[in-house]
Amino acid sequence: MPKRPYYIFLCINERRPGHPKGCCTSNGSDAVRERFAEIMNREGLRDQLRVVRTSCLDNCSRGPTMVVYPDDVWYQGVQADDVQEIIDSHIKEGRVVQRLVLPPDDFN
């Protein structure tokens, strides 16, 4: 398979309950990953997009966090209900989902 146009790195880091930094897993990153897989399978996007599970992306309190490459767009607070919009807007149409963007100046 050739290189895909898009790679999404999705944090699935897990910390102990009550950790002051929080964690993406307790905020729903597993459900986000499952939703990506469901939509990608249904819409035949496996040759266009790869979702890669990562460890900490250093923005746990804003999680789940993810980054879309090669665009270098970071999203925060992504929930399963946001995945269709990310795929339709960002992946298919090249339009960043502004309401979910993690601004470069706000990194932890």
PDB file of N, CA and C in Angstrom:
ATOM      1  N   MET A   1       0.842  -1.178   0.000  1.00  0.00           N
ATOM      2  CA  MET A   1       0.000   0.000   0.000  1.00  0.00           C
ATOM      3  C   MET A   1       0.890   1.246   0.000  1.00  0.00           C
ATOM      4  N   PRO A   2       0.586   2.227  -0.852  1.00  0.00           N
ATOM      5  CA  PRO A   2       1.383   3.458  -0.867  1.00  0.00           C
ATOM      6  C   PRO A   2       1.121   4.310   0.380  1.00  0.00           C
ATOM      7  N   LYS A   3       1.971   5.304   0.554  1.00  0.00           N
ATOM      8  CA  LYS A   3       1.813   6.234   1.667  1.00  0.00           C
ATOM      9  C   LYS A   3       0.437   6.891   1.593  1.00  0.00           C
ATOM     10  N   ARG A   4      -0.217   6.990   2.738  1.00  0.00           N
ATOM     11  CA  ARG A   4      -1.527   7.625   2.789  1.00  0.00           C
ATOM     12  C   ARG A   4      -1.368   9.145   2.824  1.00  0.00           C
ATOM     13  N   PRO A   5      -2.353   9.877   2.311  1.00  0.00           N
ATOM     14  CA  PRO A   5      -2.280  11.338   2.347  1.00  0.00           C
ATOM     15  C   PRO A   5      -2.347  11.914   3.765  1.00  0.00           C
ATOM     16  N   TYR A   6      -3.059  11.233   4.667  1.00  0.00           N
ATOM     17  CA  TYR A   6      -3.242  11.752   6.026  1.00  0.00           C
ATOM     18  C   TYR A   6      -2.917  10.696   7.072  1.00  0.00           C
ATOM     19  N   TYR A   7      -2.276  11.162   8.128  1.00  0.00           N
ATOM     20  CA  TYR A   7      -2.028  10.358   9.320  1.00  0.00           C
ATOM     21  C   TYR A   7      -2.532  11.148  10.514  1.00  0.00           C
ATOM     22  N   ILE A   8      -3.308  10.498  11.347  1.00  0.00           N
ATOM     23  CA  ILE A   8      -3.802  11.116  12.573  1.00  0.00           C
ATOM     24  C   ILE A   8      -3.150  10.400  13.739  1.00  0.00           C
ATOM     25  N   PHE A   9      -2.499  11.189  14.579  1.00  0.00           N
ATOM     26  CA  PHE A   9      -1.885  10.655  15.792  1.00  0.00           C
ATOM     27  C   PHE A   9      -2.800  11.008  16.953  1.00  0.00           C
ATOM     28  N   LEU A  10      -3.384   9.986  17.550  1.00  0.00           N
ATOM     29  CA  LEU A  10      -4.390  10.136  18.596  1.00  0.00           C
ATOM     30  C   LEU A  10      -3.833   9.644  19.918  1.00  0.00           C
ATOM     31  N   CYS A  11      -3.842  10.514  20.911  1.00  0.00           N
ATOM     32  CA  CYS A  11      -3.327  10.138  22.227  1.00  0.00           C
ATOM     33  C   CYS A  11      -4.260   9.146  22.912  1.00  0.00           C
ATOM     34  N   ILE A  12      -3.667   8.064  23.390  1.00  0.00           N
ATOM     35  CA  ILE A  12      -4.408   7.101  24.207  1.00  0.00           C
ATOM     36  C   ILE A  12      -3.703   6.907  25.550  1.00  0.00           C
ATOM     37  N   ASN A  13      -2.910   7.921  25.933  1.00  0.00           N
ATOM     38  CA  ASN A  13      -2.171   7.846  27.188  1.00  0.00           C
ATOM     39  C   ASN A  13      -3.143   7.689  28.361  1.00  0.00           C
ATOM     40  N   GLU A  14      -2.714   6.913  29.330  1.00  0.00           N
ATOM     41  CA  GLU A  14      -3.563   6.667  30.501  1.00  0.00           C
ATOM     42  C   GLU A  14      -2.772   6.954  31.771  1.00  0.00           C
ATOM     43  N   ARG A  15      -3.370   7.746  32.641  1.00  0.00           N
ATOM     44  CA  ARG A  15      -2.790   8.045  33.950  1.00  0.00           C
ATOM     45  C   ARG A  15      -3.745   7.560  35.027  1.00  0.00           C
ATOM     46  N   ARG A  16      -3.227   7.495  36.212  1.00  0.00           N
ATOM     47  CA  ARG A  16      -4.057   7.059  37.338  1.00  0.00           C
ATOM     48  C   ARG A  16      -5.214   8.049  37.553  1.00  0.00           C
ATOM     49  N   PRO A  17      -6.341   7.568  38.036  1.00  0.00           N
ATOM     50  CA  PRO A  17      -7.480   8.459  38.310  1.00  0.00           C
ATOM     51  C   PRO A  17      -7.073   9.580  39.267  1.00  0.00           C
ATOM     52  N   GLY A  18      -7.535  10.779  38.969  1.00  0.00           N
ATOM     53  CA  GLY A  18      -7.256  11.931  39.811  1.00  0.00           C
ATOM     54  C   GLY A  18      -5.935  12.622  39.532  1.00  0.00           C
ATOM     55  N   HIS A  19      -5.171  12.132  38.566  1.00  0.00           N
ATOM     56  CA  HIS A  19      -3.895  12.770  38.235  1.00  0.00           C
ATOM     57  C   HIS A  19      -4.170  14.215  37.813  1.00  0.00           C
ATOM     58  N   PRO A  20      -3.378  15.170  38.301  1.00  0.00           N
ATOM     59  CA  PRO A  20      -3.650  16.584  38.006  1.00  0.00           C
ATOM     60  C   PRO A  20      -3.587  16.944  36.519  1.00  0.00           C
ATOM     61  N   LYS A  21      -2.842  16.194  35.720  1.00  0.00           N
ATOM     62  CA  LYS A  21      -2.770  16.481  34.284  1.00  0.00           C
ATOM     63  C   LYS A  21      -3.930  15.878  33.511  1.00  0.00           C
ATOM     64  N   GLY A  22      -4.667  14.958  34.118  1.00  0.00           N
ATOM     65  CA  GLY A  22      -5.735  14.262  33.406  1.00  0.00           C
ATOM     66  C   GLY A  22      -5.149  13.257  32.437  1.00  0.00           C
ATOM     67  N   CYS A  23      -6.004  12.663  31.633  1.00  0.00           N
ATOM     68  CA  CYS A  23      -5.502  11.750  30.603  1.00  0.00           C
ATOM     69  C   CYS A  23      -6.537  11.612  29.493  1.00  0.00           C
ATOM     70  N   CYS A  24      -6.024  11.401  28.306  1.00  0.00           N
ATOM     71  CA  CYS A  24      -6.896  11.319  27.139  1.00  0.00           C
ATOM     72  C   CYS A  24      -7.800  10.084  27.175  1.00  0.00           C
ATOM     73  N   THR A  25      -7.296   8.986  27.717  1.00  0.00           N
ATOM     74  CA  THR A  25      -8.112   7.774  27.760  1.00  0.00           C
ATOM     75  C   THR A  25      -9.352   7.981  28.625  1.00  0.00           C
ATOM     76  N   SER A  26      -9.182   8.576  29.794  1.00  0.00           N
ATOM     77  CA  SER A  26     -10.349   8.787  30.656  1.00  0.00           C
ATOM     78  C   SER A  26     -11.306   9.820  30.079  1.00  0.00           C
ATOM     79  N   ASN A  27     -10.833  10.618  29.121  1.00  0.00           N
ATOM     80  CA  ASN A  27     -11.690  11.607  28.473  1.00  0.00           C
ATOM     81  C   ASN A  27     -12.311  11.102  27.171  1.00  0.00           C
ATOM     82  N   GLY A  28     -12.081   9.823  26.838  1.00  0.00           N
ATOM     83  CA  GLY A  28     -12.796   9.238  25.709  1.00  0.00           C
ATOM     84  C   GLY A  28     -12.010   8.929  24.457  1.00  0.00           C
ATOM     85  N   SER A  29     -10.686   8.867  24.533  1.00  0.00           N
ATOM     86  CA  SER A  29      -9.921   8.625  23.303  1.00  0.00           C
ATOM     87  C   SER A  29     -10.186   7.247  22.688  1.00  0.00           C
ATOM     88  N   ASP A  30     -10.503   6.251  23.499  1.00  0.00           N
ATOM     89  CA  ASP A  30     -10.824   4.930  22.936  1.00  0.00           C
ATOM     90  C   ASP A  30     -12.073   4.988  22.058  1.00  0.00           C
ATOM     91  N   ALA A  31     -13.071   5.735  22.515  1.00  0.00           N
ATOM     92  CA  ALA A  31     -14.296   5.877  21.724  1.00  0.00           C
ATOM     93  C   ALA A  31     -14.026   6.649  20.433  1.00  0.00           C
ATOM     94  N   VAL A  32     -13.127   7.622  20.492  1.00  0.00           N
ATOM     95  CA  VAL A  32     -12.752   8.381  19.292  1.00  0.00           C
ATOM     96  C   VAL A  32     -12.085   7.446  18.287  1.00  0.00           C
ATOM     97  N   ARG A  33     -11.156   6.633  18.762  1.00  0.00           N
ATOM     98  CA  ARG A  33     -10.460   5.687  17.884  1.00  0.00           C
ATOM     99  C   ARG A  33     -11.446   4.716  17.252  1.00  0.00           C
ATOM    100  N   GLU A  34     -12.357   4.195  18.041  1.00  0.00           N
ATOM    101  CA  GLU A  34     -13.361   3.260  17.519  1.00  0.00           C
ATOM    102  C   GLU A  34     -14.248   3.918  16.467  1.00  0.00           C
ATOM    103  N   ARG A  35     -14.600   5.167  16.684  1.00  0.00           N
ATOM    104  CA  ARG A  35     -15.443   5.886  15.722  1.00  0.00           C
ATOM    105  C   ARG A  35     -14.695   6.117  14.411  1.00  0.00           C
ATOM    106  N   PHE A  36     -13.408   6.477  14.504  1.00  0.00           N
ATOM    107  CA  PHE A  36     -12.608   6.606  13.285  1.00  0.00           C
ATOM    108  C   PHE A  36     -12.618   5.296  12.508  1.00  0.00           C
ATOM    109  N   ALA A  37     -12.364   4.188  13.183  1.00  0.00           N
ATOM    110  CA  ALA A  37     -12.315   2.889  12.516  1.00  0.00           C
ATOM    111  C   ALA A  37     -13.652   2.560  11.851  1.00  0.00           C
ATOM    112  N   GLU A  38     -14.727   2.817  12.545  1.00  0.00           N
ATOM    113  CA  GLU A  38     -16.065   2.541  12.008  1.00  0.00           C
ATOM    114  C   GLU A  38     -16.326   3.343  10.731  1.00  0.00           C
ATOM    115  N   ILE A  39     -16.053   4.630  10.766  1.00  0.00           N
ATOM    116  CA  ILE A  39     -16.310   5.491   9.607  1.00  0.00           C
ATOM    117  C   ILE A  39     -15.363   5.154   8.459  1.00  0.00           C
ATOM    118  N   MET A  40     -14.099   4.933   8.779  1.00  0.00           N
ATOM    119  CA  MET A  40     -13.132   4.594   7.734  1.00  0.00           C
ATOM    120  C   MET A  40     -13.526   3.309   7.013  1.00  0.00           C
ATOM    121  N   ASN A  41     -13.977   2.320   7.754  1.00  0.00           N
ATOM    122  CA  ASN A  41     -14.419   1.063   7.137  1.00  0.00           C
ATOM    123  C   ASN A  41     -15.661   1.277   6.280  1.00  0.00           C
ATOM    124  N   ARG A  42     -16.629   1.980   6.837  1.00  0.00           N
ATOM    125  CA  ARG A  42     -17.893   2.204   6.134  1.00  0.00           C
ATOM    126  C   ARG A  42     -17.695   3.005   4.855  1.00  0.00           C
ATOM    127  N   GLU A  43     -16.795   4.013   4.893  1.00  0.00           N
ATOM    128  CA  GLU A  43     -16.626   4.904   3.759  1.00  0.00           C
ATOM    129  C   GLU A  43     -15.431   4.543   2.869  1.00  0.00           C
ATOM    130  N   GLY A  44     -14.772   3.436   3.177  1.00  0.00           N
ATOM    131  CA  GLY A  44     -13.664   2.984   2.352  1.00  0.00           C
ATOM    132  C   GLY A  44     -12.479   3.942   2.334  1.00  0.00           C
ATOM    133  N   LEU A  45     -12.094   4.442   3.492  1.00  0.00           N
ATOM    134  CA  LEU A  45     -11.044   5.454   3.581  1.00  0.00           C
ATOM    135  C   LEU A  45      -9.692   4.906   4.034  1.00  0.00           C
ATOM    136  N   ARG A  46      -9.540   3.616   4.104  1.00  0.00           N
ATOM    137  CA  ARG A  46      -8.288   3.030   4.612  1.00  0.00           C
ATOM    138  C   ARG A  46      -7.069   3.403   3.778  1.00  0.00           C
ATOM    139  N   ASP A  47      -7.249   3.704   2.507  1.00  0.00           N
ATOM    140  CA  ASP A  47      -6.108   4.097   1.679  1.00  0.00           C
ATOM    141  C   ASP A  47      -5.855   5.603   1.727  1.00  0.00           C
ATOM    142  N   GLN A  48      -6.708   6.360   2.409  1.00  0.00           N
ATOM    143  CA  GLN A  48      -6.575   7.807   2.522  1.00  0.00           C
ATOM    144  C   GLN A  48      -6.099   8.275   3.893  1.00  0.00           C
ATOM    145  N   LEU A  49      -6.316   7.437   4.892  1.00  0.00           N
ATOM    146  CA  LEU A  49      -6.154   7.881   6.270  1.00  0.00           C
ATOM    147  C   LEU A  49      -5.682   6.739   7.147  1.00  0.00           C
ATOM    148  N   ARG A  50      -4.768   7.041   8.045  1.00  0.00           N
ATOM    149  CA  ARG A  50      -4.319   6.069   9.039  1.00  0.00           C
ATOM    150  C   ARG A  50      -4.382   6.749  10.395  1.00  0.00           C
ATOM    151  N   VAL A  51      -5.037   6.114  11.349  1.00  0.00           N
ATOM    152  CA  VAL A  51      -5.098   6.614  12.716  1.00  0.00           C
ATOM    153  C   VAL A  51      -4.096   5.810  13.533  1.00  0.00           C
ATOM    154  N   VAL A  52      -3.160   6.522  14.131  1.00  0.00           N
ATOM    155  CA  VAL A  52      -2.082   5.909  14.896  1.00  0.00           C
ATOM    156  C   VAL A  52      -2.280   6.250  16.368  1.00  0.00           C
ATOM    157  N   ARG A  53      -2.315   5.236  17.193  1.00  0.00           N
ATOM    158  CA  ARG A  53      -2.429   5.455  18.635  1.00  0.00           C
ATOM    159  C   ARG A  53      -1.063   5.844  19.188  1.00  0.00           C
ATOM    160  N   THR A  54      -1.035   6.923  19.957  1.00  0.00           N
ATOM    161  CA  THR A  54       0.225   7.390  20.526  1.00  0.00           C
ATOM    162  C   THR A  54       0.124   7.470  22.042  1.00  0.00           C
ATOM    163  N   SER A  55       1.265   7.646  22.629  1.00  0.00           N
ATOM    164  CA  SER A  55       1.325   7.965  24.048  1.00  0.00           C
ATOM    165  C   SER A  55       1.090   9.468  24.173  1.00  0.00           C
ATOM    166  N   CYS A  56       1.510  10.045  25.258  1.00  0.00           N
ATOM    167  CA  CYS A  56       1.210  11.431  25.599  1.00  0.00           C
ATOM    168  C   CYS A  56       1.653  12.424  24.528  1.00  0.00           C
ATOM    169  N   LEU A  57       0.750  13.341  24.186  1.00  0.00           N
ATOM    170  CA  LEU A  57       1.046  14.437  23.274  1.00  0.00           C
ATOM    171  C   LEU A  57       1.203  15.757  24.041  1.00  0.00           C
ATOM    172  N   ASP A  58       1.376  15.667  25.348  1.00  0.00           N
ATOM    173  CA  ASP A  58       1.671  16.812  26.225  1.00  0.00           C
ATOM    174  C   ASP A  58       0.535  17.805  26.393  1.00  0.00           C
ATOM    175  N   ASN A  59      -0.672  17.428  26.143  1.00  0.00           N
ATOM    176  CA  ASN A  59      -1.818  18.312  26.354  1.00  0.00           C
ATOM    177  C   ASN A  59      -2.975  17.551  26.983  1.00  0.00           C
ATOM    178  N   CYS A  60      -2.646  16.774  27.973  1.00  0.00           N
ATOM    179  CA  CYS A  60      -3.597  15.843  28.579  1.00  0.00           C
ATOM    180  C   CYS A  60      -4.837  16.531  29.148  1.00  0.00           C
ATOM    181  N   SER A  61      -4.655  17.713  29.727  1.00  0.00           N
ATOM    182  CA  SER A  61      -5.799  18.396  30.323  1.00  0.00           C
ATOM    183  C   SER A  61      -6.801  18.844  29.268  1.00  0.00           C
ATOM    184  N   ARG A  62      -6.410  18.810  28.013  1.00  0.00           N
ATOM    185  CA  ARG A  62      -7.282  19.233  26.909  1.00  0.00           C
ATOM    186  C   ARG A  62      -7.750  18.052  26.070  1.00  0.00           C
ATOM    187  N   GLY A  63      -7.551  16.866  26.588  1.00  0.00           N
ATOM    188  CA  GLY A  63      -7.787  15.662  25.825  1.00  0.00           C
ATOM    189  C   GLY A  63      -9.234  15.298  25.636  1.00  0.00           C
ATOM    190  N   PRO A  64      -9.429  14.370  24.751  1.00  0.00           N
ATOM    191  CA  PRO A  64      -8.443  13.738  23.896  1.00  0.00           C
ATOM    192  C   PRO A  64      -7.853  14.715  22.885  1.00  0.00           C
ATOM    193  N   THR A  65      -6.536  14.581  22.707  1.00  0.00           N
ATOM    194  CA  THR A  65      -5.851  15.406  21.725  1.00  0.00           C
ATOM    195  C   THR A  65      -5.384  14.533  20.568  1.00  0.00           C
ATOM    196  N   MET A  66      -5.251  15.173  19.414  1.00  0.00           N
ATOM    197  CA  MET A  66      -4.769  14.483  18.226  1.00  0.00           C
ATOM    198  C   MET A  66      -4.138  15.501  17.302  1.00  0.00           C
ATOM    199  N   VAL A  67      -3.288  15.002  16.414  1.00  0.00           N
ATOM    200  CA  VAL A  67      -2.650  15.867  15.418  1.00  0.00           C
ATOM    201  C   VAL A  67      -2.804  15.214  14.049  1.00  0.00           C
ATOM    202  N   VAL A  68      -3.129  16.035  13.058  1.00  0.00           N
ATOM    203  CA  VAL A  68      -3.315  15.570  11.686  1.00  0.00           C
ATOM    204  C   VAL A  68      -2.081  15.961  10.880  1.00  0.00           C
ATOM    205  N   TYR A  69      -1.419  14.944  10.316  1.00  0.00           N
ATOM    206  CA  TYR A  69      -0.269  15.173   9.441  1.00  0.00           C
ATOM    207  C   TYR A  69      -0.626  14.767   8.033  1.00  0.00           C
ATOM    208  N   PRO A  70      -0.114  15.476   7.049  1.00  0.00           N
ATOM    209  CA  PRO A  70       1.013  16.391   7.103  1.00  0.00           C
ATOM    210  C   PRO A  70       0.640  17.823   7.433  1.00  0.00           C
ATOM    211  N   ASP A  71      -0.602  18.114   7.765  1.00  0.00           N
ATOM    212  CA  ASP A  71      -1.062  19.487   7.966  1.00  0.00           C
ATOM    213  C   ASP A  71      -0.576  20.115   9.272  1.00  0.00           C
ATOM    214  N   ASP A  72      -0.118  19.299  10.226  1.00  0.00           N
ATOM    215  CA  ASP A  72       0.312  19.780  11.534  1.00  0.00           C
ATOM    216  C   ASP A  72      -0.790  20.579  12.228  1.00  0.00           C
ATOM    217  N   VAL A  73      -2.004  20.052  12.150  1.00  0.00           N
ATOM    218  CA  VAL A  73      -3.142  20.660  12.829  1.00  0.00           C
ATOM    219  C   VAL A  73      -3.432  19.841  14.075  1.00  0.00           C
ATOM    220  N   TRP A  74      -3.466  20.507  15.211  1.00  0.00           N
ATOM    221  CA  TRP A  74      -3.724  19.861  16.499  1.00  0.00           C
ATOM    222  C   TRP A  74      -5.162  20.139  16.920  1.00  0.00           C
ATOM    223  N   TYR A  75      -5.835  19.081  17.338  1.00  0.00           N
ATOM    224  CA  TYR A  75      -7.199  19.197  17.842  1.00  0.00           C
ATOM    225  C   TYR A  75      -7.237  18.814  19.315  1.00  0.00           C
ATOM    226  N   GLN A  76      -8.128  19.462  20.054  1.00  0.00           N
ATOM    227  CA  GLN A  76      -8.279  19.205  21.480  1.00  0.00           C
ATOM    228  C   GLN A  76      -9.733  18.893  21.815  1.00  0.00           C
ATOM    229  N   GLY A  77      -9.916  18.154  22.890  1.00  0.00           N
ATOM    230  CA  GLY A  77     -11.264  17.851  23.355  1.00  0.00           C
ATOM    231  C   GLY A  77     -12.100  17.085  22.354  1.00  0.00           C
ATOM    232  N   VAL A  78     -11.460  16.301  21.517  1.00  0.00           N
ATOM    233  CA  VAL A  78     -12.166  15.558  20.471  1.00  0.00           C
ATOM    234  C   VAL A  78     -12.987  14.435  21.103  1.00  0.00           C
ATOM    235  N   GLN A  79     -14.235  14.354  20.697  1.00  0.00           N
ATOM    236  CA  GLN A  79     -15.124  13.292  21.149  1.00  0.00           C
ATOM    237  C   GLN A  79     -15.583  12.468  19.949  1.00  0.00           C
ATOM    238  N   ALA A  80     -16.123  11.307  20.229  1.00  0.00           N
ATOM    239  CA  ALA A  80     -16.573  10.418  19.151  1.00  0.00           C
ATOM    240  C   ALA A  80     -17.539  11.122  18.201  1.00  0.00           C
ATOM    241  N   ASP A  81     -18.378  11.997  18.734  1.00  0.00           N
ATOM    242  CA  ASP A  81     -19.340  12.724  17.902  1.00  0.00           C
ATOM    243  C   ASP A  81     -18.684  13.722  16.955  1.00  0.00           C
ATOM    244  N   ASP A  82     -17.414  14.062  17.184  1.00  0.00           N
ATOM    245  CA  ASP A  82     -16.693  15.005  16.329  1.00  0.00           C
ATOM    246  C   ASP A  82     -16.010  14.340  15.137  1.00  0.00           C
ATOM    247  N   VAL A  83     -15.872  13.047  15.164  1.00  0.00           N
ATOM    248  CA  VAL A  83     -15.059  12.343  14.167  1.00  0.00           C
ATOM    249  C   VAL A  83     -15.608  12.493  12.756  1.00  0.00           C
ATOM    250  N   GLN A  84     -16.899  12.367  12.566  1.00  0.00           N
ATOM    251  CA  GLN A  84     -17.475  12.505  11.219  1.00  0.00           C
ATOM    252  C   GLN A  84     -17.177  13.886  10.656  1.00  0.00           C
ATOM    253  N   GLU A  85     -17.288  14.916  11.493  1.00  0.00           N
ATOM    254  CA  GLU A  85     -16.997  16.276  11.040  1.00  0.00           C
ATOM    255  C   GLU A  85     -15.525  16.431  10.665  1.00  0.00           C
ATOM    256  N   ILE A  86     -14.629  15.850  11.451  1.00  0.00           N
ATOM    257  CA  ILE A  86     -13.201  15.920  11.141  1.00  0.00           C
ATOM    258  C   ILE A  86     -12.921  15.234   9.803  1.00  0.00           C
ATOM    259  N   ILE A  87     -13.512  14.077   9.597  1.00  0.00           N
ATOM    260  CA  ILE A  87     -13.305  13.363   8.332  1.00  0.00           C
ATOM    261  C   ILE A  87     -13.895  14.146   7.164  1.00  0.00           C
ATOM    262  N   ASP A  88     -15.141  14.599   7.308  1.00  0.00           N
ATOM    263  CA  ASP A  88     -15.792  15.307   6.207  1.00  0.00           C
ATOM    264  C   ASP A  88     -15.112  16.636   5.896  1.00  0.00           C
ATOM    265  N   SER A  89     -14.839  17.418   6.929  1.00  0.00           N
ATOM    266  CA  SER A  89     -14.281  18.754   6.716  1.00  0.00           C
ATOM    267  C   SER A  89     -12.789  18.725   6.439  1.00  0.00           C
ATOM    268  N   HIS A  90     -12.025  18.136   7.343  1.00  0.00           N
ATOM    269  CA  HIS A  90     -10.574  18.209   7.228  1.00  0.00           C
ATOM    270  C   HIS A  90     -10.022  17.224   6.200  1.00  0.00           C
ATOM    271  N   ILE A  91     -10.379  15.962   6.329  1.00  0.00           N
ATOM    272  CA  ILE A  91      -9.783  14.942   5.464  1.00  0.00           C
ATOM    273  C   ILE A  91     -10.324  15.027   4.035  1.00  0.00           C
ATOM    274  N   LYS A  92     -11.614  15.164   3.876  1.00  0.00           N
ATOM    275  CA  LYS A  92     -12.196  15.162   2.530  1.00  0.00           C
ATOM    276  C   LYS A  92     -12.146  16.527   1.835  1.00  0.00           C
ATOM    277  N   GLU A  93     -12.323  17.615   2.622  1.00  0.00           N
ATOM    278  CA  GLU A  93     -12.442  18.937   2.009  1.00  0.00           C
ATOM    279  C   GLU A  93     -11.268  19.868   2.304  1.00  0.00           C
ATOM    280  N   GLY A  94     -10.351  19.454   3.186  1.00  0.00           N
ATOM    281  CA  GLY A  94      -9.200  20.280   3.498  1.00  0.00           C
ATOM    282  C   GLY A  94      -9.503  21.488   4.368  1.00  0.00           C
ATOM    283  N   ARG A  95     -10.670  21.484   5.024  1.00  0.00           N
ATOM    284  CA  ARG A  95     -11.069  22.596   5.904  1.00  0.00           C
ATOM    285  C   ARG A  95     -10.879  22.184   7.363  1.00  0.00           C
ATOM    286  N   VAL A  96     -10.062  22.936   8.069  1.00  0.00           N
ATOM    287  CA  VAL A  96      -9.790  22.667   9.476  1.00  0.00           C
ATOM    288  C   VAL A  96     -11.057  22.911  10.292  1.00  0.00           C
ATOM    289  N   VAL A  97     -11.306  22.057  11.269  1.00  0.00           N
ATOM    290  CA  VAL A  97     -12.454  22.211  12.171  1.00  0.00           C
ATOM    291  C   VAL A  97     -12.013  23.173  13.277  1.00  0.00           C
ATOM    292  N   GLN A  98     -12.241  24.454  13.049  1.00  0.00           N
ATOM    293  CA  GLN A  98     -11.711  25.512  13.917  1.00  0.00           C
ATOM    294  C   GLN A  98     -12.136  25.388  15.375  1.00  0.00           C
ATOM    295  N   ARG A  99     -13.339  24.941  15.627  1.00  0.00           N
ATOM    296  CA  ARG A  99     -13.828  24.882  17.006  1.00  0.00           C
ATOM    297  C   ARG A  99     -13.054  23.879  17.866  1.00  0.00           C
ATOM    298  N   LEU A 100     -12.311  22.970  17.236  1.00  0.00           N
ATOM    299  CA  LEU A 100     -11.547  21.960  17.965  1.00  0.00           C
ATOM    300  C   LEU A 100     -10.039  22.214  17.956  1.00  0.00           C
ATOM    301  N   VAL A 101      -9.602  23.257  17.290  1.00  0.00           N
ATOM    302  CA  VAL A 101      -8.174  23.500  17.148  1.00  0.00           C
ATOM    303  C   VAL A 101      -7.533  23.846  18.495  1.00  0.00           C
ATOM    304  N   LEU A 102      -6.384  23.228  18.724  1.00  0.00           N
ATOM    305  CA  LEU A 102      -5.538  23.570  19.875  1.00  0.00           C
ATOM    306  C   LEU A 102      -4.549  24.614  19.374  1.00  0.00           C
ATOM    307  N   PRO A 103      -4.730  25.874  19.784  1.00  0.00           N
ATOM    308  CA  PRO A 103      -3.846  26.923  19.280  1.00  0.00           C
ATOM    309  C   PRO A 103      -2.396  26.679  19.666  1.00  0.00           C
ATOM    310  N   PRO A 104      -1.464  27.000  18.770  1.00  0.00           N
ATOM    311  CA  PRO A 104      -0.041  26.758  19.046  1.00  0.00           C
ATOM    312  C   PRO A 104       0.452  27.430  20.326  1.00  0.00           C
ATOM    313  N   ASP A 105      -0.133  28.553  20.700  1.00  0.00           N
ATOM    314  CA  ASP A 105       0.296  29.275  21.904  1.00  0.00           C
ATOM    315  C   ASP A 105      -0.244  28.655  23.192  1.00  0.00           C
ATOM    316  N   ASP A 106      -1.148  27.684  23.086  1.00  0.00           N
ATOM    317  CA  ASP A 106      -1.789  27.105  24.270  1.00  0.00           C
ATOM    318  C   ASP A 106      -1.266  25.741  24.677  1.00  0.00           C
ATOM    319  N   PHE A 107      -0.154  25.317  24.117  1.00  0.00           N
ATOM    320  CA  PHE A 107       0.384  24.010  24.476  1.00  0.00           C
ATOM    321  C   PHE A 107       0.818  24.002  25.926  1.00  0.00           C
ATOM    322  N   ASN A 108       0.583  22.874  26.605  1.00  0.00           N
ATOM    323  CA  ASN A 108       0.994  22.743  28.011  1.00  0.00           C
ATOM    324  C   ASN A 108       2.483  22.595  28.107  1.00  0.00           C
TER     325      ASN A 108
END
